Amino acid sequence: MVTRAPGALLARHLDPLREQGLSDRDILDAVEVISYFNYINRIADALGIDPEPEMQAAHEKWLADPAEE
């Protein structure tokens, strides 16, 4: 949800993470990592940088249907 619809994230969406034992700091760390990867991937895409070989299949799948995950 952080990637696809960050504005739709509600406090209740964090409850399952807390139920699994994650603290607010853990959740913040996860959101920061997710956000960083979203950012750096968009920069790479904008500059036309090819994905790493081990990521090529996932990249091709995403190009075929970015709405499907």
PDB file of N, CA and C in Angstrom:
ATOM      1  N   MET A   1       0.827  -1.185   0.000  1.00  0.00           N
ATOM      2  CA  MET A   1       0.000   0.000   0.000  1.00  0.00           C
ATOM      3  C   MET A   1       0.879   1.259   0.000  1.00  0.00           C
ATOM      4  N   VAL A   2       2.021   1.205   0.656  1.00  0.00           N
ATOM      5  CA  VAL A   2       2.905   2.365   0.689  1.00  0.00           C
ATOM      6  C   VAL A   2       3.333   2.747  -0.726  1.00  0.00           C
ATOM      7  N   THR A   3       3.523   1.755  -1.576  1.00  0.00           N
ATOM      8  CA  THR A   3       3.965   2.019  -2.937  1.00  0.00           C
ATOM      9  C   THR A   3       2.828   2.475  -3.832  1.00  0.00           C
ATOM     10  N   ARG A   4       1.725   1.761  -3.826  1.00  0.00           N
ATOM     11  CA  ARG A   4       0.637   2.011  -4.770  1.00  0.00           C
ATOM     12  C   ARG A   4      -0.291   3.150  -4.369  1.00  0.00           C
ATOM     13  N   ALA A   5      -0.596   3.276  -3.087  1.00  0.00           N
ATOM     14  CA  ALA A   5      -1.565   4.288  -2.648  1.00  0.00           C
ATOM     15  C   ALA A   5      -1.191   4.814  -1.264  1.00  0.00           C
ATOM     16  N   PRO A   6      -0.074   5.507  -1.152  1.00  0.00           N
ATOM     17  CA  PRO A   6       0.372   5.946   0.175  1.00  0.00           C
ATOM     18  C   PRO A   6      -0.626   6.853   0.881  1.00  0.00           C
ATOM     19  N   GLY A   7      -1.376   7.632   0.135  1.00  0.00           N
ATOM     20  CA  GLY A   7      -2.362   8.516   0.743  1.00  0.00           C
ATOM     21  C   GLY A   7      -3.557   7.788   1.313  1.00  0.00           C
ATOM     22  N   ALA A   8      -3.743   6.544   0.922  1.00  0.00           N
ATOM     23  CA  ALA A   8      -4.880   5.757   1.408  1.00  0.00           C
ATOM     24  C   ALA A   8      -4.546   4.997   2.690  1.00  0.00           C
ATOM     25  N   LEU A   9      -3.310   5.048   3.110  1.00  0.00           N
ATOM     26  CA  LEU A   9      -2.891   4.334   4.313  1.00  0.00           C
ATOM     27  C   LEU A   9      -3.519   4.980   5.541  1.00  0.00           C
ATOM     28  N   LEU A  10      -4.195   4.173   6.329  1.00  0.00           N
ATOM     29  CA  LEU A  10      -4.850   4.641   7.554  1.00  0.00           C
ATOM     30  C   LEU A  10      -4.189   4.001   8.769  1.00  0.00           C
ATOM     31  N   ALA A  11      -4.389   4.599   9.917  1.00  0.00           N
ATOM     32  CA  ALA A  11      -3.794   4.082  11.149  1.00  0.00           C
ATOM     33  C   ALA A  11      -4.155   2.610  11.361  1.00  0.00           C
ATOM     34  N   ARG A  12      -5.364   2.225  11.003  1.00  0.00           N
ATOM     35  CA  ARG A  12      -5.794   0.828  11.213  1.00  0.00           C
ATOM     36  C   ARG A  12      -5.004  -0.159  10.358  1.00  0.00           C
ATOM     37  N   HIS A  13      -4.416   0.307   9.255  1.00  0.00           N
ATOM     38  CA  HIS A  13      -3.612  -0.573   8.414  1.00  0.00           C
ATOM     39  C   HIS A  13      -2.322  -1.005   9.113  1.00  0.00           C
ATOM     40  N   LEU A  14      -1.940  -0.278  10.128  1.00  0.00           N
ATOM     41  CA  LEU A  14      -0.719  -0.611  10.862  1.00  0.00           C
ATOM     42  C   LEU A  14      -0.964  -1.657  11.949  1.00  0.00           C
ATOM     43  N   ASP A  15      -2.220  -1.888  12.301  1.00  0.00           N
ATOM     44  CA  ASP A  15      -2.532  -2.834  13.377  1.00  0.00           C
ATOM     45  C   ASP A  15      -1.949  -4.228  13.145  1.00  0.00           C
ATOM     46  N   PRO A  16      -2.062  -4.806  11.936  1.00  0.00           N
ATOM     47  CA  PRO A  16      -1.467  -6.135  11.736  1.00  0.00           C
ATOM     48  C   PRO A  16       0.054  -6.143  11.953  1.00  0.00           C
ATOM     49  N   LEU A  17       0.716  -5.046  11.621  1.00  0.00           N
ATOM     50  CA  LEU A  17       2.162  -4.980  11.852  1.00  0.00           C
ATOM     51  C   LEU A  17       2.464  -4.963  13.349  1.00  0.00           C
ATOM     52  N   ARG A  18       1.696  -4.187  14.075  1.00  0.00           N
ATOM     53  CA  ARG A  18       1.878  -4.133  15.531  1.00  0.00           C
ATOM     54  C   ARG A  18       1.538  -5.482  16.177  1.00  0.00           C
ATOM     55  N   GLU A  19       0.522  -6.152  15.651  1.00  0.00           N
ATOM     56  CA  GLU A  19       0.154  -7.475  16.180  1.00  0.00           C
ATOM     57  C   GLU A  19       1.276  -8.485  15.979  1.00  0.00           C
ATOM     58  N   GLN A  20       2.107  -8.266  14.962  1.00  0.00           N
ATOM     59  CA  GLN A  20       3.253  -9.142  14.707  1.00  0.00           C
ATOM     60  C   GLN A  20       4.478  -8.723  15.515  1.00  0.00           C
ATOM     61  N   GLY A  21       4.319  -7.695  16.347  1.00  0.00           N
ATOM     62  CA  GLY A  21       5.384  -7.293  17.241  1.00  0.00           C
ATOM     63  C   GLY A  21       6.234  -6.127  16.770  1.00  0.00           C
ATOM     64  N   LEU A  22       5.858  -5.487  15.663  1.00  0.00           N
ATOM     65  CA  LEU A  22       6.624  -4.346  15.190  1.00  0.00           C
ATOM     66  C   LEU A  22       6.286  -3.109  16.014  1.00  0.00           C
ATOM     67  N   SER A  23       7.318  -2.374  16.368  1.00  0.00           N
ATOM     68  CA  SER A  23       7.133  -1.119  17.090  1.00  0.00           C
ATOM     69  C   SER A  23       6.888   0.002  16.077  1.00  0.00           C
ATOM     70  N   ASP A  24       6.509   1.163  16.585  1.00  0.00           N
ATOM     71  CA  ASP A  24       6.341   2.308  15.691  1.00  0.00           C
ATOM     72  C   ASP A  24       7.663   2.626  14.996  1.00  0.00           C
ATOM     73  N   ARG A  25       8.785   2.466  15.682  1.00  0.00           N
ATOM     74  CA  ARG A  25      10.097   2.705  15.076  1.00  0.00           C
ATOM     75  C   ARG A  25      10.348   1.699  13.952  1.00  0.00           C
ATOM     76  N   ASP A  26       9.982   0.423  14.173  1.00  0.00           N
ATOM     77  CA  ASP A  26      10.135  -0.589  13.129  1.00  0.00           C
ATOM     78  C   ASP A  26       9.315  -0.227  11.889  1.00  0.00           C
ATOM     79  N   ILE A  27       8.100   0.226  12.117  1.00  0.00           N
ATOM     80  CA  ILE A  27       7.218   0.595  11.006  1.00  0.00           C
ATOM     81  C   ILE A  27       7.787   1.804  10.275  1.00  0.00           C
ATOM     82  N   LEU A  28       8.285   2.779  11.012  1.00  0.00           N
ATOM     83  CA  LEU A  28       8.920   3.940  10.385  1.00  0.00           C
ATOM     84  C   LEU A  28      10.109   3.510   9.530  1.00  0.00           C
ATOM     85  N   ASP A  29      10.949   2.626  10.067  1.00  0.00           N
ATOM     86  CA  ASP A  29      12.098   2.132   9.307  1.00  0.00           C
ATOM     87  C   ASP A  29      11.651   1.459   8.009  1.00  0.00           C
ATOM     88  N   ALA A  30      10.607   0.636   8.103  1.00  0.00           N
ATOM     89  CA  ALA A  30      10.107  -0.064   6.910  1.00  0.00           C
ATOM     90  C   ALA A  30       9.599   0.931   5.873  1.00  0.00           C
ATOM     91  N   VAL A  31       8.834   1.923   6.301  1.00  0.00           N
ATOM     92  CA  VAL A  31       8.306   2.924   5.374  1.00  0.00           C
ATOM     93  C   VAL A  31       9.446   3.700   4.722  1.00  0.00           C
ATOM     94  N   GLU A  32      10.476   4.020   5.494  1.00  0.00           N
ATOM     95  CA  GLU A  32      11.606   4.750   4.923  1.00  0.00           C
ATOM     96  C   GLU A  32      12.339   3.910   3.876  1.00  0.00           C
ATOM     97  N   VAL A  33      12.529   2.622   4.141  1.00  0.00           N
ATOM     98  CA  VAL A  33      13.204   1.747   3.173  1.00  0.00           C
ATOM     99  C   VAL A  33      12.355   1.590   1.915  1.00  0.00           C
ATOM    100  N   ILE A  34      11.070   1.344   2.089  1.00  0.00           N
ATOM    101  CA  ILE A  34      10.161   1.208   0.944  1.00  0.00           C
ATOM    102  C   ILE A  34      10.180   2.489   0.109  1.00  0.00           C
ATOM    103  N   SER A  35      10.095   3.625   0.770  1.00  0.00           N
ATOM    104  CA  SER A  35      10.087   4.910   0.063  1.00  0.00           C
ATOM    105  C   SER A  35      11.394   5.153  -0.672  1.00  0.00           C
ATOM    106  N   TYR A  36      12.503   4.809  -0.056  1.00  0.00           N
ATOM    107  CA  TYR A  36      13.793   4.990  -0.708  1.00  0.00           C
ATOM    108  C   TYR A  36      13.883   4.149  -1.982  1.00  0.00           C
ATOM    109  N   PHE A  37      13.478   2.886  -1.894  1.00  0.00           N
ATOM    110  CA  PHE A  37      13.543   2.025  -3.085  1.00  0.00           C
ATOM    111  C   PHE A  37      12.606   2.527  -4.176  1.00  0.00           C
ATOM    112  N   ASN A  38      11.432   3.017  -3.807  1.00  0.00           N
ATOM    113  CA  ASN A  38      10.534   3.611  -4.806  1.00  0.00           C
ATOM    114  C   ASN A  38      11.210   4.796  -5.486  1.00  0.00           C
ATOM    115  N   TYR A  39      11.838   5.639  -4.697  1.00  0.00           N
ATOM    116  CA  TYR A  39      12.520   6.821  -5.214  1.00  0.00           C
ATOM    117  C   TYR A  39      13.658   6.447  -6.159  1.00  0.00           C
ATOM    118  N   ILE A  40      14.544   5.591  -5.714  1.00  0.00           N
ATOM    119  CA  ILE A  40      15.726   5.261  -6.512  1.00  0.00           C
ATOM    120  C   ILE A  40      15.344   4.495  -7.776  1.00  0.00           C
ATOM    121  N   ASN A  41      14.317   3.673  -7.708  1.00  0.00           N
ATOM    122  CA  ASN A  41      13.854   2.967  -8.910  1.00  0.00           C
ATOM    123  C   ASN A  41      13.273   3.934  -9.932  1.00  0.00           C
ATOM    124  N   ARG A  42      12.572   4.946  -9.486  1.00  0.00           N
ATOM    125  CA  ARG A  42      12.024   5.929 -10.414  1.00  0.00           C
ATOM    126  C   ARG A  42      13.134   6.746 -11.075  1.00  0.00           C
ATOM    127  N   ILE A  43      14.163   7.060 -10.323  1.00  0.00           N
ATOM    128  CA  ILE A  43      15.304   7.756 -10.914  1.00  0.00           C
ATOM    129  C   ILE A  43      15.954   6.873 -11.975  1.00  0.00           C
ATOM    130  N   ALA A  44      16.182   5.615 -11.646  1.00  0.00           N
ATOM    131  CA  ALA A  44      16.796   4.695 -12.609  1.00  0.00           C
ATOM    132  C   ALA A  44      15.927   4.563 -13.859  1.00  0.00           C
ATOM    133  N   ASP A  45      14.619   4.440 -13.676  1.00  0.00           N
ATOM    134  CA  ASP A  45      13.718   4.350 -14.828  1.00  0.00           C
ATOM    135  C   ASP A  45      13.774   5.620 -15.672  1.00  0.00           C
ATOM    136  N   ALA A  46      13.772   6.773 -15.013  1.00  0.00           N
ATOM    137  CA  ALA A  46      13.782   8.043 -15.742  1.00  0.00           C
ATOM    138  C   ALA A  46      15.071   8.235 -16.535  1.00  0.00           C
ATOM    139  N   LEU A  47      16.166   7.679 -16.030  1.00  0.00           N
ATOM    140  CA  LEU A  47      17.450   7.818 -16.717  1.00  0.00           C
ATOM    141  C   LEU A  47      17.719   6.687 -17.701  1.00  0.00           C
ATOM    142  N   GLY A  48      16.784   5.735 -17.774  1.00  0.00           N
ATOM    143  CA  GLY A  48      16.941   4.634 -18.714  1.00  0.00           C
ATOM    144  C   GLY A  48      17.982   3.609 -18.301  1.00  0.00           C
ATOM    145  N   ILE A  49      18.237   3.518 -17.010  1.00  0.00           N
ATOM    146  CA  ILE A  49      19.212   2.553 -16.515  1.00  0.00           C
ATOM    147  C   ILE A  49      18.585   1.160 -16.530  1.00  0.00           C
ATOM    148  N   ASP A  50      19.264   0.219 -17.143  1.00  0.00           N
ATOM    149  CA  ASP A  50      18.768  -1.153 -17.199  1.00  0.00           C
ATOM    150  C   ASP A  50      18.805  -1.780 -15.813  1.00  0.00           C
ATOM    151  N   PRO A  51      17.802  -2.610 -15.501  1.00  0.00           N
ATOM    152  CA  PRO A  51      17.821  -3.296 -14.207  1.00  0.00           C
ATOM    153  C   PRO A  51      18.977  -4.288 -14.136  1.00  0.00           C
ATOM    154  N   GLU A  52      19.354  -4.619 -12.923  1.00  0.00           N
ATOM    155  CA  GLU A  52      20.390  -5.623 -12.724  1.00  0.00           C
ATOM    156  C   GLU A  52      19.909  -6.940 -13.314  1.00  0.00           C
ATOM    157  N   PRO A  53      20.846  -7.779 -13.817  1.00  0.00           N
ATOM    158  CA  PRO A  53      20.439  -9.024 -14.488  1.00  0.00           C
ATOM    159  C   PRO A  53      19.469  -9.873 -13.673  1.00  0.00           C
ATOM    160  N   GLU A  54      19.689  -9.972 -12.379  1.00  0.00           N
ATOM    161  CA  GLU A  54      18.806 -10.821 -11.567  1.00  0.00           C
ATOM    162  C   GLU A  54      17.414 -10.218 -11.403  1.00  0.00           C
ATOM    163  N   MET A  55      17.237  -8.960 -11.750  1.00  0.00           N
ATOM    164  CA  MET A  55      15.940  -8.309 -11.649  1.00  0.00           C
ATOM    165  C   MET A  55      15.231  -8.194 -12.997  1.00  0.00           C
ATOM    166  N   GLN A  56      15.873  -8.629 -14.062  1.00  0.00           N
ATOM    167  CA  GLN A  56      15.335  -8.451 -15.406  1.00  0.00           C
ATOM    168  C   GLN A  56      13.965  -9.110 -15.584  1.00  0.00           C
ATOM    169  N   ALA A  57      13.798 -10.343 -15.098  1.00  0.00           N
ATOM    170  CA  ALA A  57      12.514 -11.044 -15.270  1.00  0.00           C
ATOM    171  C   ALA A  57      11.393 -10.299 -14.554  1.00  0.00           C
ATOM    172  N   ALA A  58      11.640  -9.849 -13.336  1.00  0.00           N
ATOM    173  CA  ALA A  58      10.618  -9.113 -12.591  1.00  0.00           C
ATOM    174  C   ALA A  58      10.300  -7.794 -13.299  1.00  0.00           C
ATOM    175  N   HIS A  59      11.319  -7.152 -13.833  1.00  0.00           N
ATOM    176  CA  HIS A  59      11.122  -5.892 -14.544  1.00  0.00           C
ATOM    177  C   HIS A  59      10.262  -6.112 -15.796  1.00  0.00           C
ATOM    178  N   GLU A  60      10.548  -7.152 -16.550  1.00  0.00           N
ATOM    179  CA  GLU A  60       9.770  -7.445 -17.754  1.00  0.00           C
ATOM    180  C   GLU A  60       8.319  -7.772 -17.412  1.00  0.00           C
ATOM    181  N   LYS A  61       8.118  -8.494 -16.319  1.00  0.00           N
ATOM    182  CA  LYS A  61       6.756  -8.812 -15.880  1.00  0.00           C
ATOM    183  C   LYS A  61       6.012  -7.527 -15.523  1.00  0.00           C
ATOM    184  N   TRP A  62       6.691  -6.637 -14.821  1.00  0.00           N
ATOM    185  CA  TRP A  62       6.063  -5.374 -14.442  1.00  0.00           C
ATOM    186  C   TRP A  62       5.738  -4.537 -15.671  1.00  0.00           C
ATOM    187  N   LEU A  63       6.627  -4.498 -16.633  1.00  0.00           N
ATOM    188  CA  LEU A  63       6.372  -3.740 -17.859  1.00  0.00           C
ATOM    189  C   LEU A  63       5.141  -4.266 -18.597  1.00  0.00           C
ATOM    190  N   ALA A  64       4.937  -5.579 -18.549  1.00  0.00           N
ATOM    191  CA  ALA A  64       3.798  -6.191 -19.235  1.00  0.00           C
ATOM    192  C   ALA A  64       2.482  -5.830 -18.561  1.00  0.00           C
ATOM    193  N   ASP A  65       2.498  -5.726 -17.227  1.00  0.00           N
ATOM    194  CA  ASP A  65       1.262  -5.421 -16.491  1.00  0.00           C
ATOM    195  C   ASP A  65       1.614  -4.817 -15.139  1.00  0.00           C
ATOM    196  N   PRO A  66       1.885  -3.512 -15.075  1.00  0.00           N
ATOM    197  CA  PRO A  66       2.294  -2.896 -13.816  1.00  0.00           C
ATOM    198  C   PRO A  66       1.238  -2.921 -12.729  1.00  0.00           C
ATOM    199  N   ALA A  67      -0.019  -3.130 -13.076  1.00  0.00           N
ATOM    200  CA  ALA A  67      -1.072  -3.168 -12.060  1.00  0.00           C
ATOM    201  C   ALA A  67      -1.115  -4.508 -11.331  1.00  0.00           C
ATOM    202  N   GLU A  68      -0.534  -5.526 -11.915  1.00  0.00           N
ATOM    203  CA  GLU A  68      -0.560  -6.863 -11.314  1.00  0.00           C
ATOM    204  C   GLU A  68       0.698  -7.085 -10.486  1.00  0.00           C
ATOM    205  N   GLU A  69       0.502  -7.550  -9.267  1.00  0.00           N
ATOM    206  CA  GLU A  69       1.664  -7.881  -8.410  1.00  0.00           C
ATOM    207  C   GLU A  69       1.414  -9.191  -7.726  1.00  0.00           C
TER     208      GLU A  69
END
